[in-house]
């Protein structure tokens, strides 16, 4: 597959993922029953699976890997943190306030990951001149 196409698909899935996360966070904080909708529960897994598969394809294409290249290590660690905090934001947080703060933190982590992706630097947005 063409590198530019895969990169743009990966970016599109990332933006779709965070948009859907924000939507689900709002539902979680407001304790909406809509959060239990089957499509709303399954769709994020499909989007995120595509996102990770496309990331794997890009890694192999550019021959840069986590634990070899610092910026990809930072993205991987950020992703793990985002997943952990995201689960608190959507379902594991015991109160709406906890879920709200977890949502804000997860979005901040996502912003860090995005900055790392754009700059190829662990300093994220601070590395962009």
N, C-alpha and C. Protein backbone atom coordinates (compact mmCIF):
# COMPACT_ATOMS: atom_id res chain seq x y z
N UNK A 1 0.83 -1.19 0.00
CA UNK A 1 0.00 0.00 0.00
C UNK A 1 0.87 1.25 0.00
N UNK A 2 0.36 2.30 -0.57
CA UNK A 2 1.06 3.57 -0.64
C UNK A 2 1.24 4.15 0.77
N UNK A 3 2.46 4.59 1.10
CA UNK A 3 2.78 5.13 2.43
C UNK A 3 1.88 6.30 2.79
N UNK A 4 1.73 7.25 1.88
CA UNK A 4 0.92 8.44 2.17
C UNK A 4 -0.53 8.06 2.48
N UNK A 5 -1.06 7.11 1.74
CA UNK A 5 -2.44 6.67 1.97
C UNK A 5 -2.58 6.06 3.36
N UNK A 6 -1.64 5.18 3.72
CA UNK A 6 -1.70 4.51 5.02
C UNK A 6 -1.52 5.54 6.14
N UNK A 7 -0.61 6.47 5.95
CA UNK A 7 -0.38 7.51 6.97
C UNK A 7 -1.65 8.34 7.17
N UNK A 8 -2.30 8.73 6.09
CA UNK A 8 -3.52 9.53 6.20
C UNK A 8 -4.67 8.71 6.80
N UNK A 9 -4.73 7.44 6.49
CA UNK A 9 -5.75 6.58 7.11
C UNK A 9 -5.49 6.47 8.62
N UNK A 10 -4.23 6.30 9.00
CA UNK A 10 -3.86 6.23 10.41
C UNK A 10 -4.24 7.53 11.13
N UNK A 11 -3.92 8.65 10.52
CA UNK A 11 -4.27 9.94 11.11
C UNK A 11 -5.79 10.09 11.22
N UNK A 12 -6.49 9.70 10.18
CA UNK A 12 -7.96 9.77 10.20
C UNK A 12 -8.56 8.92 11.30
N UNK A 13 -8.02 7.71 11.47
CA UNK A 13 -8.51 6.83 12.54
C UNK A 13 -8.21 7.43 13.92
N UNK A 14 -7.05 8.09 14.05
CA UNK A 14 -6.70 8.72 15.33
C UNK A 14 -7.70 9.84 15.65
N UNK A 15 -8.00 10.67 14.68
CA UNK A 15 -8.97 11.76 14.90
C UNK A 15 -10.37 11.20 15.16
N UNK A 16 -10.73 10.16 14.46
CA UNK A 16 -12.02 9.52 14.68
C UNK A 16 -12.08 8.91 16.08
N UNK A 17 -10.99 8.30 16.50
CA UNK A 17 -10.91 7.67 17.81
C UNK A 17 -11.10 8.70 18.92
N UNK A 18 -10.39 9.82 18.86
CA UNK A 18 -10.50 10.82 19.93
C UNK A 18 -11.87 11.49 19.90
N UNK A 19 -12.41 11.69 18.72
CA UNK A 19 -13.75 12.28 18.62
C UNK A 19 -14.78 11.38 19.28
N UNK A 20 -14.68 10.09 18.98
CA UNK A 20 -15.62 9.13 19.57
C UNK A 20 -15.38 8.99 21.06
N UNK A 21 -14.12 9.08 21.50
CA UNK A 21 -13.82 9.03 22.93
C UNK A 21 -14.47 10.20 23.66
N UNK A 22 -14.36 11.40 23.10
CA UNK A 22 -14.96 12.57 23.72
C UNK A 22 -16.47 12.39 23.81
N UNK A 23 -17.09 11.90 22.74
CA UNK A 23 -18.53 11.65 22.74
C UNK A 23 -18.91 10.66 23.85
N UNK A 24 -18.17 9.56 23.94
CA UNK A 24 -18.45 8.55 24.96
C UNK A 24 -18.17 9.08 26.36
N UNK A 25 -17.17 9.95 26.51
CA UNK A 25 -16.88 10.56 27.80
C UNK A 25 -18.05 11.42 28.27
N UNK A 26 -18.61 12.17 27.35
CA UNK A 26 -19.77 13.00 27.68
C UNK A 26 -20.92 12.11 28.14
N UNK A 27 -21.14 11.02 27.42
CA UNK A 27 -22.20 10.09 27.82
C UNK A 27 -21.92 9.48 29.19
N UNK A 28 -20.66 9.17 29.46
CA UNK A 28 -20.29 8.56 30.73
C UNK A 28 -20.47 9.54 31.89
N UNK A 29 -19.98 10.76 31.72
CA UNK A 29 -20.08 11.75 32.79
C UNK A 29 -21.54 12.10 33.07
N UNK A 30 -22.34 12.16 32.01
CA UNK A 30 -23.76 12.49 32.18
C UNK A 30 -24.60 11.26 32.55
N UNK A 31 -23.94 10.12 32.65
CA UNK A 31 -24.58 8.85 33.01
C UNK A 31 -25.74 8.50 32.08
N UNK A 32 -25.51 8.73 30.80
CA UNK A 32 -26.52 8.45 29.78
C UNK A 32 -26.63 6.95 29.50
N UNK A 33 -27.86 6.48 29.37
CA UNK A 33 -28.10 5.08 29.02
C UNK A 33 -27.62 4.77 27.60
N UNK A 34 -27.46 5.79 26.78
CA UNK A 34 -27.00 5.62 25.40
C UNK A 34 -25.61 4.97 25.35
N UNK A 35 -24.83 5.12 26.42
CA UNK A 35 -23.50 4.52 26.48
C UNK A 35 -23.56 3.00 26.38
N UNK A 36 -24.71 2.41 26.70
CA UNK A 36 -24.87 0.96 26.64
C UNK A 36 -25.31 0.46 25.26
N UNK A 37 -25.51 1.38 24.33
CA UNK A 37 -25.89 1.01 22.96
C UNK A 37 -24.81 0.12 22.36
N UNK A 38 -25.23 -0.96 21.70
CA UNK A 38 -24.29 -1.94 21.15
C UNK A 38 -23.29 -1.31 20.17
N UNK A 39 -23.76 -0.45 19.28
CA UNK A 39 -22.87 0.19 18.29
C UNK A 39 -21.85 1.08 19.00
N UNK A 40 -22.30 1.82 20.00
CA UNK A 40 -21.41 2.72 20.74
C UNK A 40 -20.38 1.93 21.54
N UNK A 41 -20.71 0.72 21.93
CA UNK A 41 -19.76 -0.12 22.66
C UNK A 41 -18.76 -0.81 21.73
N UNK A 42 -19.18 -1.18 20.52
CA UNK A 42 -18.33 -1.97 19.62
C UNK A 42 -17.48 -1.10 18.69
N UNK A 43 -18.05 -0.01 18.18
CA UNK A 43 -17.36 0.82 17.19
C UNK A 43 -15.97 1.30 17.62
N UNK A 44 -15.77 1.73 18.88
CA UNK A 44 -14.41 2.16 19.27
C UNK A 44 -13.37 1.06 19.11
N UNK A 45 -13.77 -0.19 19.36
CA UNK A 45 -12.82 -1.30 19.23
C UNK A 45 -12.42 -1.51 17.76
N UNK A 46 -13.36 -1.34 16.87
CA UNK A 46 -13.08 -1.46 15.43
C UNK A 46 -12.14 -0.34 14.99
N UNK A 47 -12.47 0.89 15.38
CA UNK A 47 -11.65 2.05 15.01
C UNK A 47 -10.23 1.88 15.56
N UNK A 48 -10.13 1.53 16.84
CA UNK A 48 -8.81 1.43 17.46
C UNK A 48 -7.99 0.26 16.93
N UNK A 49 -8.65 -0.83 16.54
CA UNK A 49 -7.94 -1.94 15.92
C UNK A 49 -7.35 -1.51 14.58
N UNK A 50 -8.14 -0.82 13.78
CA UNK A 50 -7.63 -0.30 12.50
C UNK A 50 -6.47 0.67 12.74
N UNK A 51 -6.61 1.53 13.74
CA UNK A 51 -5.56 2.49 14.07
C UNK A 51 -4.25 1.78 14.39
N UNK A 52 -4.32 0.74 15.20
CA UNK A 52 -3.10 0.00 15.59
C UNK A 52 -2.53 -0.80 14.43
N UNK A 53 -3.39 -1.42 13.62
CA UNK A 53 -2.89 -2.15 12.44
C UNK A 53 -2.19 -1.21 11.46
N UNK A 54 -2.78 -0.05 11.24
CA UNK A 54 -2.14 0.93 10.35
C UNK A 54 -0.82 1.43 10.94
N UNK A 55 -0.78 1.60 12.27
CA UNK A 55 0.47 2.01 12.93
C UNK A 55 1.56 0.96 12.72
N UNK A 56 1.18 -0.31 12.85
CA UNK A 56 2.15 -1.39 12.62
C UNK A 56 2.69 -1.37 11.20
N UNK A 57 1.80 -1.14 10.24
CA UNK A 57 2.22 -1.06 8.83
C UNK A 57 3.20 0.11 8.64
N UNK A 58 2.90 1.25 9.25
CA UNK A 58 3.78 2.41 9.12
C UNK A 58 5.14 2.15 9.75
N UNK A 59 5.16 1.49 10.93
CA UNK A 59 6.43 1.18 11.58
C UNK A 59 7.33 0.34 10.69
N UNK A 60 6.74 -0.68 10.11
CA UNK A 60 7.52 -1.57 9.24
C UNK A 60 7.99 -0.81 8.00
N UNK A 61 7.12 0.03 7.46
CA UNK A 61 7.47 0.78 6.25
C UNK A 61 8.64 1.73 6.50
N UNK A 62 8.61 2.48 7.62
CA UNK A 62 9.68 3.45 7.88
C UNK A 62 10.83 2.84 8.67
N UNK A 63 10.67 1.57 9.06
CA UNK A 63 11.68 0.82 9.80
C UNK A 63 12.14 1.54 11.07
N UNK A 64 11.14 1.99 11.83
CA UNK A 64 11.40 2.58 13.15
C UNK A 64 10.46 1.88 14.12
N UNK A 65 11.00 1.57 15.33
CA UNK A 65 10.25 0.71 16.24
C UNK A 65 10.36 1.20 17.69
N UNK A 66 9.32 0.90 18.50
CA UNK A 66 9.43 1.21 19.93
C UNK A 66 10.62 0.48 20.55
N UNK A 67 11.19 1.08 21.55
CA UNK A 67 12.37 0.59 22.28
C UNK A 67 13.63 0.64 21.43
N UNK A 68 13.51 1.11 20.20
CA UNK A 68 14.67 1.40 19.36
C UNK A 68 14.69 2.89 19.07
N UNK A 69 13.54 3.43 18.74
CA UNK A 69 13.39 4.85 18.44
C UNK A 69 12.57 5.50 19.56
N UNK A 70 13.17 6.49 20.21
CA UNK A 70 12.60 7.10 21.42
C UNK A 70 11.19 7.65 21.19
N UNK A 71 10.96 8.26 20.04
CA UNK A 71 9.65 8.87 19.83
C UNK A 71 8.55 7.82 19.74
N UNK A 72 8.85 6.66 19.16
CA UNK A 72 7.85 5.58 19.11
C UNK A 72 7.67 4.92 20.48
N UNK A 73 8.72 4.88 21.27
CA UNK A 73 8.60 4.39 22.64
C UNK A 73 7.67 5.31 23.42
N UNK A 74 7.86 6.62 23.25
CA UNK A 74 7.00 7.60 23.93
C UNK A 74 5.54 7.45 23.50
N UNK A 75 5.32 7.23 22.20
CA UNK A 75 3.94 7.03 21.72
C UNK A 75 3.34 5.77 22.33
N UNK A 76 4.10 4.69 22.41
CA UNK A 76 3.59 3.44 22.98
C UNK A 76 3.26 3.60 24.46
N UNK A 77 4.16 4.21 25.22
CA UNK A 77 3.90 4.44 26.64
C UNK A 77 2.69 5.37 26.81
N UNK A 78 2.62 6.40 25.97
CA UNK A 78 1.46 7.29 25.99
C UNK A 78 0.17 6.55 25.68
N UNK A 79 0.23 5.65 24.72
CA UNK A 79 -0.95 4.87 24.35
C UNK A 79 -1.43 4.00 25.51
N UNK A 80 -0.50 3.37 26.19
CA UNK A 80 -0.86 2.52 27.33
C UNK A 80 -1.49 3.39 28.43
N UNK A 81 -0.90 4.55 28.70
CA UNK A 81 -1.47 5.46 29.71
C UNK A 81 -2.86 5.93 29.28
N UNK A 82 -3.02 6.26 28.00
CA UNK A 82 -4.30 6.71 27.47
C UNK A 82 -5.38 5.63 27.64
N UNK A 83 -5.02 4.39 27.37
CA UNK A 83 -5.98 3.28 27.51
C UNK A 83 -6.39 3.12 28.97
N UNK A 84 -5.42 3.14 29.88
CA UNK A 84 -5.72 2.97 31.30
C UNK A 84 -6.63 4.10 31.80
N UNK A 85 -6.23 5.34 31.53
CA UNK A 85 -7.03 6.48 32.00
C UNK A 85 -8.37 6.52 31.27
N UNK A 86 -8.37 6.14 29.99
CA UNK A 86 -9.61 6.11 29.22
C UNK A 86 -10.63 5.14 29.78
N UNK A 87 -10.18 4.01 30.29
CA UNK A 87 -11.13 3.05 30.88
C UNK A 87 -11.73 3.61 32.17
N UNK A 88 -10.97 4.40 32.89
CA UNK A 88 -11.51 5.07 34.08
C UNK A 88 -12.54 6.10 33.66
N UNK A 89 -12.25 6.82 32.58
CA UNK A 89 -13.16 7.87 32.10
C UNK A 89 -14.48 7.30 31.60
N UNK A 90 -14.45 6.15 30.97
CA UNK A 90 -15.66 5.62 30.34
C UNK A 90 -16.43 4.68 31.27
N UNK A 91 -15.73 3.81 32.00
CA UNK A 91 -16.50 2.83 32.77
C UNK A 91 -16.00 2.53 34.18
N UNK A 92 -14.76 2.75 34.49
CA UNK A 92 -14.26 2.32 35.79
C UNK A 92 -14.33 3.41 36.87
N UNK A 93 -14.48 4.65 36.46
CA UNK A 93 -14.59 5.74 37.43
C UNK A 93 -15.87 5.61 38.23
N UNK A 94 -15.76 5.67 39.56
CA UNK A 94 -16.93 5.43 40.41
C UNK A 94 -17.90 6.61 40.43
N UNK A 95 -17.41 7.83 40.22
CA UNK A 95 -18.30 8.99 40.23
C UNK A 95 -18.14 9.77 38.93
N UNK A 96 -19.11 10.63 38.67
CA UNK A 96 -19.05 11.47 37.47
C UNK A 96 -17.84 12.40 37.51
N UNK A 97 -17.48 12.89 38.69
CA UNK A 97 -16.33 13.79 38.82
C UNK A 97 -15.04 13.05 38.48
N UNK A 98 -14.90 11.85 38.97
CA UNK A 98 -13.71 11.04 38.63
C UNK A 98 -13.67 10.78 37.13
N UNK A 99 -14.81 10.42 36.54
CA UNK A 99 -14.85 10.16 35.09
C UNK A 99 -14.54 11.43 34.30
N UNK A 100 -14.99 12.58 34.77
CA UNK A 100 -14.70 13.85 34.10
C UNK A 100 -13.20 14.14 34.11
N UNK A 101 -12.59 14.04 35.28
CA UNK A 101 -11.15 14.30 35.37
C UNK A 101 -10.33 13.29 34.57
N UNK A 102 -10.74 12.05 34.60
CA UNK A 102 -10.05 11.03 33.80
C UNK A 102 -10.18 11.35 32.31
N UNK A 103 -11.33 11.84 31.89
CA UNK A 103 -11.54 12.23 30.49
C UNK A 103 -10.59 13.35 30.10
N UNK A 104 -10.49 14.36 30.95
CA UNK A 104 -9.60 15.50 30.67
C UNK A 104 -8.15 15.02 30.58
N UNK A 105 -7.75 14.16 31.50
CA UNK A 105 -6.37 13.64 31.49
C UNK A 105 -6.13 12.79 30.25
N UNK A 106 -7.09 11.95 29.89
CA UNK A 106 -6.94 11.11 28.69
C UNK A 106 -6.80 11.97 27.44
N UNK A 107 -7.57 13.04 27.33
CA UNK A 107 -7.47 13.94 26.18
C UNK A 107 -6.11 14.62 26.16
N UNK A 108 -5.60 15.00 27.32
CA UNK A 108 -4.25 15.60 27.40
C UNK A 108 -3.18 14.60 26.95
N UNK A 109 -3.33 13.35 27.36
CA UNK A 109 -2.38 12.30 26.93
C UNK A 109 -2.46 12.13 25.42
N UNK A 110 -3.67 12.12 24.88
CA UNK A 110 -3.83 12.01 23.43
C UNK A 110 -3.14 13.18 22.73
N UNK A 111 -3.28 14.39 23.27
CA UNK A 111 -2.63 15.57 22.68
C UNK A 111 -1.11 15.41 22.70
N UNK A 112 -0.58 14.85 23.79
CA UNK A 112 0.85 14.58 23.86
C UNK A 112 1.27 13.60 22.77
N UNK A 113 0.51 12.50 22.63
CA UNK A 113 0.81 11.49 21.60
C UNK A 113 0.78 12.13 20.21
N UNK A 114 -0.20 12.96 19.95
CA UNK A 114 -0.31 13.65 18.66
C UNK A 114 0.92 14.53 18.42
N UNK A 115 1.35 15.25 19.44
CA UNK A 115 2.54 16.09 19.30
C UNK A 115 3.79 15.27 19.02
N UNK A 116 3.90 14.12 19.67
CA UNK A 116 5.04 13.22 19.41
C UNK A 116 5.00 12.73 17.98
N UNK A 117 3.81 12.38 17.51
CA UNK A 117 3.67 11.88 16.14
C UNK A 117 4.06 12.96 15.12
N UNK A 118 3.68 14.18 15.38
CA UNK A 118 3.98 15.26 14.44
C UNK A 118 5.45 15.68 14.47
N UNK A 119 6.05 15.66 15.68
CA UNK A 119 7.43 16.14 15.81
C UNK A 119 8.48 15.03 15.74
N UNK A 120 8.07 13.78 15.93
CA UNK A 120 8.99 12.64 16.06
C UNK A 120 10.00 12.90 17.18
N UNK A 121 9.50 13.50 18.26
CA UNK A 121 10.34 13.87 19.40
C UNK A 121 9.54 13.65 20.68
N UNK A 122 10.19 13.12 21.71
CA UNK A 122 9.50 12.86 22.97
C UNK A 122 9.04 14.15 23.66
N UNK A 123 9.58 15.28 23.26
CA UNK A 123 9.17 16.56 23.83
C UNK A 123 7.82 17.02 23.26
N UNK A 124 7.29 16.27 22.32
CA UNK A 124 5.96 16.52 21.77
C UNK A 124 5.87 17.93 21.19
N UNK A 125 4.86 18.68 21.60
CA UNK A 125 4.60 20.00 21.03
C UNK A 125 5.73 20.98 21.35
N UNK A 126 6.48 20.76 22.42
CA UNK A 126 7.58 21.66 22.76
C UNK A 126 8.73 21.59 21.77
N UNK A 127 8.80 20.50 21.00
CA UNK A 127 9.87 20.32 20.02
C UNK A 127 9.56 20.98 18.69
N UNK A 128 8.31 21.38 18.51
CA UNK A 128 7.92 21.99 17.23
C UNK A 128 8.23 23.48 17.28
N UNK A 129 9.10 23.89 16.36
CA UNK A 129 9.52 25.32 16.36
C UNK A 129 8.54 26.19 15.62
